[in-house]
Amino acid sequence: MTVHAVDYTHSETEFDEMRNLLVTSYLVSKKPFNWRLAMAENWNYASRYLEPTEYFTSRAHLWKDDRGELAGFLIRDNYFIYPQVQYKYRHLEAGMMDWAESNWGGDDAQVNTMVYDWDSERQKLLTQRGYEDQGAVEDVRIYDPGRPSPDVVLPPGYQIRSMAEYGDSNARIDLENCVWNATLDEAWFRGKSSAPSYSSDWDLVVISPEDKPVAACLVWLYPNNQAAEIDPLGTHPEYRNRGLGKALVLESFNRLNAIRIQYTYIASFTRDPIVSHLYSSLNPIETYQGYHWVKRTA
């Protein structure tokens, strides 16, 4: 069957097809391969009221078969280019990288991508194309929420609530800005909370004795494969080292187990030893690493 490259127009239908491809690929294997749901929904919805259409159309490109079925797509953030394919269309990856190198080479005359440690097929392809391995940049840990885990422990006077219960979106935005040193606003929150997999019931916050949110984690649910992802998790700088982040993850596991979610993904930067120690201590059932590969085109 012939597959054609198609421009991305940023329609709701197109993104629904992209999102469905990602979700169904995790029905084939739970290993990280394509983007996880949280990555895609953040990319599309968190910026929907902040960026023009051209921002999105310049960052995705589609491949469709003769029936109009989405076989794969390229997507990029500010640094990496990510091929996303159905498993049965892995033979398209070489042509997709041809297109990426020709169209998204960048002003720095290099192409950056990421591949997971288990994926020897893509590693071989990149090596043949002149890419070089620059080392691990991402850790992806998979947890079984049903496994026995420590009790949720908070300092006296602190409690965990959902945003459905707490309700103060401005305080939630302020927390996000403090955690990540960002300048997010109401338009960002309105966009992100419009994502299909966002639920205020799963946007969890730790409330301090002063009744303000001081830590938060967002749980995204995969609707069709009994899986979830926690992204992001963060604590206000003035409230760190009190076990708030650990308490949020454990509470998330408890709630996910109650609705029979089988797997939970948490991704983090490899070079963050504090975060790595926390996530490793929570007994993941599998751990994978994403490696940065680069091709210098000049």
Protein backbone atom coordinates (compact mmCIF):
# COMPACT_ATOMS: atom_id res chain seq x y z
CA MET A 1 0.00 0.00 0.00
CA THR A 2 1.29 3.44 -0.96
CA VAL A 3 1.91 5.98 1.78
CA HIS A 4 2.07 9.71 1.08
CA ALA A 5 3.53 12.63 3.02
CA VAL A 6 0.82 15.18 3.86
CA ASP A 7 1.01 18.69 5.31
CA TYR A 8 -0.37 19.10 8.81
CA THR A 9 -3.15 21.69 8.97
CA HIS A 10 -3.78 21.57 12.73
CA SER A 11 -7.39 20.43 12.47
CA GLU A 12 -9.13 18.72 15.36
CA THR A 13 -9.62 15.64 13.19
CA GLU A 14 -5.92 15.39 12.42
CA PHE A 15 -4.90 15.69 16.03
CA ASP A 16 -7.49 13.10 17.07
CA GLU A 17 -5.91 10.71 14.54
CA MET A 18 -2.43 11.47 15.90
CA ARG A 19 -3.59 10.97 19.46
CA ASN A 20 -5.27 7.67 18.56
CA LEU A 21 -2.09 6.41 16.87
CA LEU A 22 -0.13 7.08 20.06
CA VAL A 23 -2.65 5.42 22.33
CA THR A 24 -3.06 2.32 20.17
CA SER A 25 0.72 1.88 19.83
CA TYR A 26 0.82 1.28 23.58
CA LEU A 27 -1.70 -1.52 23.14
CA VAL A 28 0.95 -3.32 21.07
CA SER A 29 3.67 -2.87 23.69
CA LYS A 30 3.79 -0.91 26.91
CA LYS A 31 7.44 0.02 26.26
CA PRO A 32 7.99 3.73 25.48
CA PHE A 33 8.22 4.07 21.71
CA ASN A 34 6.03 6.88 20.44
CA TRP A 35 5.12 9.93 22.49
CA ARG A 36 3.05 9.23 25.56
CA LEU A 37 -0.41 10.75 25.78
CA ALA A 38 0.62 13.53 28.16
CA MET A 39 3.31 14.74 25.78
CA ALA A 40 0.91 14.99 22.86
CA GLU A 41 -1.90 16.66 24.76
CA ASN A 42 0.48 19.17 26.31
CA TRP A 43 1.90 19.95 22.85
CA ASN A 44 -1.54 20.57 21.38
CA TYR A 45 -3.66 21.98 24.17
CA ALA A 46 -1.40 23.83 26.62
CA SER A 47 -0.45 26.26 23.83
CA ARG A 48 -3.74 26.36 21.95
CA TYR A 49 -4.56 29.90 23.18
CA LEU A 50 -0.95 31.08 23.22
CA GLU A 51 0.42 30.25 19.76
CA PRO A 52 -0.79 30.91 16.19
CA THR A 53 -1.76 28.08 13.86
CA GLU A 54 1.60 28.39 12.08
CA TYR A 55 3.36 27.38 15.30
CA PHE A 56 1.73 23.96 15.08
CA THR A 57 1.73 23.44 11.31
CA SER A 58 5.49 24.04 11.24
CA ARG A 59 6.06 21.37 13.89
CA ALA A 60 4.23 18.34 12.52
CA HIS A 61 4.06 16.44 9.23
CA LEU A 62 1.84 13.44 8.42
CA TRP A 63 2.12 10.21 6.44
CA LYS A 64 -1.16 8.62 5.27
CA ASP A 65 -1.96 5.50 3.28
CA ASP A 66 -4.29 5.22 0.27
CA ARG A 67 -7.31 4.80 2.54
CA GLY A 68 -6.49 8.00 4.42
CA GLU A 69 -5.35 6.12 7.52
CA LEU A 70 -2.59 7.82 9.48
CA ALA A 71 0.51 5.62 9.21
CA GLY A 72 2.89 7.92 11.06
CA PHE A 73 3.94 11.48 11.63
CA LEU A 74 6.88 13.64 12.56
CA ILE A 75 6.54 16.01 15.47
CA ARG A 76 9.06 18.31 17.10
CA ASP A 77 9.53 20.47 20.12
CA ASN A 78 12.12 23.22 20.41
CA TYR A 79 15.01 20.76 20.14
CA PHE A 80 14.18 17.16 19.21
CA ILE A 81 12.49 15.67 16.15
CA TYR A 82 10.41 12.59 16.96
CA PRO A 83 9.23 10.02 14.37
CA GLN A 84 5.89 8.52 15.42
CA VAL A 85 4.69 5.41 13.59
CA GLN A 86 2.36 2.49 13.83
CA TYR A 87 4.44 -0.63 14.42
CA LYS A 88 3.34 -2.12 11.10
CA TYR A 89 4.73 0.94 9.30
CA ARG A 90 8.22 0.99 10.79
CA HIS A 91 9.66 0.76 7.27
CA LEU A 92 8.61 4.40 6.81
CA GLU A 93 11.12 5.69 9.34
CA ALA A 94 13.99 6.10 6.85
CA GLY A 95 11.84 8.24 4.53
CA MET A 96 10.56 10.24 7.46
CA MET A 97 14.12 11.03 8.52
CA ASP A 98 14.91 12.00 4.91
CA TRP A 99 12.09 14.52 5.10
CA ALA A 100 13.17 15.78 8.53
CA GLU A 101 16.77 16.30 7.47
CA SER A 102 15.71 18.17 4.35
CA ASN A 103 13.07 20.37 5.95
CA TRP A 104 13.90 20.67 9.65
CA GLY A 105 17.69 20.71 9.64
CA GLY A 106 17.75 23.96 11.55
CA ASP A 107 20.10 26.93 11.59
CA ASP A 108 22.67 25.02 13.64
CA ALA A 109 23.18 22.51 10.79
CA GLN A 110 22.26 19.46 12.81
CA VAL A 111 19.28 17.20 13.43
CA ASN A 112 18.54 16.00 16.96
CA THR A 113 16.32 13.07 17.80
CA MET A 114 15.76 10.64 20.64
CA VAL A 115 15.55 6.85 20.67
CA TYR A 116 14.94 4.44 23.55
CA ASP A 117 17.53 1.94 24.71
CA TRP A 118 15.42 -1.09 23.80
CA ASP A 119 14.85 0.04 20.19
CA SER A 120 17.82 -1.52 18.37
CA GLU A 121 16.01 -1.20 15.02
CA ARG A 122 15.93 2.60 15.13
CA GLN A 123 19.42 2.77 16.59
CA LYS A 124 20.68 0.79 13.59
CA LEU A 125 18.85 3.11 11.19
CA LEU A 126 20.31 6.22 12.81
CA THR A 127 23.84 4.77 12.82
CA GLN A 128 23.56 4.00 9.08
CA ARG A 129 22.44 7.58 8.47
CA GLY A 130 25.45 9.08 10.26
CA TYR A 131 23.88 9.92 13.63
CA GLU A 132 25.94 9.75 16.81
CA ASP A 133 24.81 8.73 20.28
CA GLN A 134 25.19 11.59 22.77
CA GLY A 135 24.06 9.70 25.87
CA ALA A 136 20.93 9.26 27.95
CA VAL A 137 18.65 12.26 28.48
CA GLU A 138 15.35 10.74 29.67
CA ASP A 139 14.30 8.00 32.08
CA VAL A 140 10.89 6.38 31.73
CA ARG A 141 9.71 4.25 34.62
CA ILE A 142 6.61 2.05 34.54
CA TYR A 143 4.77 1.21 37.74
CA ASP A 144 2.03 -1.17 38.76
CA PRO A 145 -0.31 0.90 40.97
CA GLY A 146 -1.63 -2.31 42.49
CA ARG A 147 1.68 -3.27 44.03
CA PRO A 148 1.97 -2.77 47.80
CA SER A 149 3.45 0.67 48.50
CA PRO A 150 4.22 2.79 51.57
CA ASP A 151 1.49 4.75 53.29
CA VAL A 152 0.84 8.32 52.16
CA VAL A 153 2.50 10.51 54.78
CA LEU A 154 2.16 14.31 54.96
CA PRO A 155 3.41 16.81 57.52
CA PRO A 156 0.80 17.88 60.10
CA GLY A 157 -1.76 20.30 58.68
CA TYR A 158 -1.15 19.38 55.01
CA GLN A 159 -3.69 17.58 52.86
CA ILE A 160 -4.13 16.36 49.29
CA ARG A 161 -7.06 17.63 47.26
CA SER A 162 -8.02 17.54 43.62
CA MET A 163 -8.52 20.75 41.69
CA ALA A 164 -12.18 19.76 41.45
CA GLU A 165 -12.28 20.18 45.23
CA TYR A 166 -9.86 23.10 45.60
CA GLY A 167 -11.00 25.12 42.61
CA ASP A 168 -8.61 28.10 42.69
CA SER A 169 -7.03 28.00 39.23
CA ASN A 170 -5.11 31.24 39.79
CA ALA A 171 -3.33 29.73 42.79
CA ARG A 172 -2.63 26.62 40.70
CA ILE A 173 -1.08 28.77 37.96
CA ASP A 174 1.04 30.66 40.50
CA LEU A 175 2.34 27.34 41.85
CA GLU A 176 3.28 26.16 38.37
CA ASN A 177 5.23 29.37 37.78
CA CYS A 178 7.09 29.06 41.08
CA VAL A 179 7.99 25.41 40.49
CA TRP A 180 9.25 25.82 36.94
CA ASN A 181 10.30 29.49 36.97
CA ALA A 182 7.75 30.11 34.22
CA THR A 183 5.37 32.91 33.21
CA LEU A 184 2.20 30.93 32.53
CA ASP A 185 -1.20 32.57 32.71
CA GLU A 186 -4.94 31.87 32.54
CA ALA A 187 -4.79 31.19 28.79
CA TRP A 188 -2.30 28.37 29.42
CA PHE A 189 -4.50 26.79 32.11
CA ARG A 190 -7.64 27.19 30.02
CA GLY A 191 -5.93 25.46 27.10
CA LYS A 192 -4.39 22.63 29.10
CA SER A 193 -7.56 21.91 31.02
CA SER A 194 -9.48 21.63 27.72
CA ALA A 195 -7.48 18.52 26.74
CA PRO A 196 -9.64 15.40 26.38
CA SER A 197 -7.63 13.50 28.99
CA TYR A 198 -7.44 16.33 31.51
CA SER A 199 -9.73 16.01 34.51
CA SER A 200 -9.78 18.30 37.52
CA ASP A 201 -10.41 15.14 39.56
CA TRP A 202 -6.92 13.98 38.58
CA ASP A 203 -5.14 17.32 38.96
CA LEU A 204 -3.88 16.75 42.51
CA VAL A 205 -2.44 19.39 44.82
CA VAL A 206 -0.97 19.43 48.32
CA ILE A 207 -2.60 22.18 50.35
CA SER A 208 -0.55 23.79 53.11
CA PRO A 209 -1.92 24.77 56.53
CA GLU A 210 -2.24 28.29 55.07
CA ASP A 211 -4.70 26.88 52.47
CA LYS A 212 -2.48 27.37 49.44
CA PRO A 213 -1.26 24.74 46.94
CA VAL A 214 2.44 23.98 47.45
CA ALA A 215 2.91 20.83 45.35
CA ALA A 216 1.04 19.32 42.44
CA CYS A 217 0.93 16.42 40.04
CA LEU A 218 -1.28 15.86 37.03
CA VAL A 219 -2.45 12.36 36.15
CA TRP A 220 -3.37 11.70 32.51
CA LEU A 221 -5.50 8.63 31.81
CA TYR A 222 -5.11 6.44 28.72
CA PRO A 223 -8.75 5.61 28.06
CA ASN A 224 -8.35 2.34 26.16
CA ASN A 225 -5.41 0.48 27.66
CA GLN A 226 -5.75 0.78 31.44
CA ALA A 227 -2.68 2.99 31.74
CA ALA A 228 -1.90 6.46 33.02
CA GLU A 229 0.95 8.97 33.12
CA ILE A 230 1.97 11.37 35.85
CA ASP A 231 3.26 14.57 34.27
CA PRO A 232 4.32 16.93 35.70
CA LEU A 233 5.15 16.59 39.38
CA GLY A 234 6.56 19.59 41.21
CA THR A 235 6.91 21.24 44.61
CA HIS A 236 7.21 24.93 45.49
CA PRO A 237 10.91 25.69 46.25
CA GLU A 238 10.09 26.81 49.80
CA TYR A 239 8.32 23.51 50.60
CA ARG A 240 10.76 20.95 49.27
CA ASN A 241 12.37 18.14 51.29
CA ARG A 242 9.13 17.49 53.19
CA GLY A 243 8.03 14.40 51.28
CA LEU A 244 5.22 16.19 49.43
CA GLY A 245 6.14 14.90 45.98
CA LYS A 246 6.39 11.32 47.19
CA ALA A 247 3.04 11.63 48.93
CA LEU A 248 1.41 12.86 45.71
CA VAL A 249 2.76 9.95 43.66
CA LEU A 250 1.68 7.38 46.25
CA GLU A 251 -1.77 8.96 46.49
CA SER A 252 -1.99 8.86 42.69
CA PHE A 253 -1.11 5.15 42.73
CA ASN A 254 -3.83 4.49 45.31
CA ARG A 255 -6.46 6.29 43.26
CA LEU A 256 -5.36 4.61 40.03
CA ASN A 257 -5.46 1.19 41.65
CA ALA A 258 -9.02 1.91 42.81
CA ILE A 259 -10.13 2.28 39.17
CA ARG A 260 -8.07 -0.76 38.07
CA ILE A 261 -5.37 1.05 36.11
CA GLN A 262 -2.64 -1.51 35.40
CA TYR A 263 0.36 0.64 34.40
CA THR A 264 1.55 4.14 35.23
CA TYR A 265 4.35 5.97 33.41
CA ILE A 266 6.60 8.65 34.87
CA ALA A 267 9.32 10.26 32.74
CA SER A 268 12.13 12.47 34.03
CA PHE A 269 15.45 13.98 33.01
CA THR A 270 18.32 11.54 33.46
CA ARG A 271 20.62 14.22 34.86
CA ASP A 272 18.39 15.08 37.83
CA PRO A 273 19.69 12.88 40.68
CA ILE A 274 17.09 13.99 43.24
CA VAL A 275 14.16 13.14 40.98
CA SER A 276 15.83 9.91 39.85
CA HIS A 277 16.28 8.82 43.47
CA LEU A 278 12.61 9.48 44.25
CA TYR A 279 11.24 7.63 41.25
CA SER A 280 13.64 4.71 41.66
CA SER A 281 12.59 4.32 45.30
CA LEU A 282 8.96 3.78 44.29
CA ASN A 283 9.59 0.28 42.93
CA PRO A 284 9.09 0.56 39.15
CA ILE A 285 8.44 -2.70 37.32
CA GLU A 286 10.37 -1.54 34.23
CA THR A 287 12.79 1.30 33.46
CA TYR A 288 13.92 2.56 30.06
CA GLN A 289 16.17 5.39 28.92
CA GLY A 290 15.86 7.73 25.95
CA TYR A 291 19.14 8.60 24.22
CA HIS A 292 19.96 11.78 22.34
CA TRP A 293 21.25 11.12 18.81
CA VAL A 294 22.57 13.88 16.57
CA LYS A 295 23.49 14.21 12.90
CA ARG A 296 25.59 17.17 11.85
CA THR A 297 24.48 18.11 8.36
CA ALA A 298 27.01 20.85 7.52
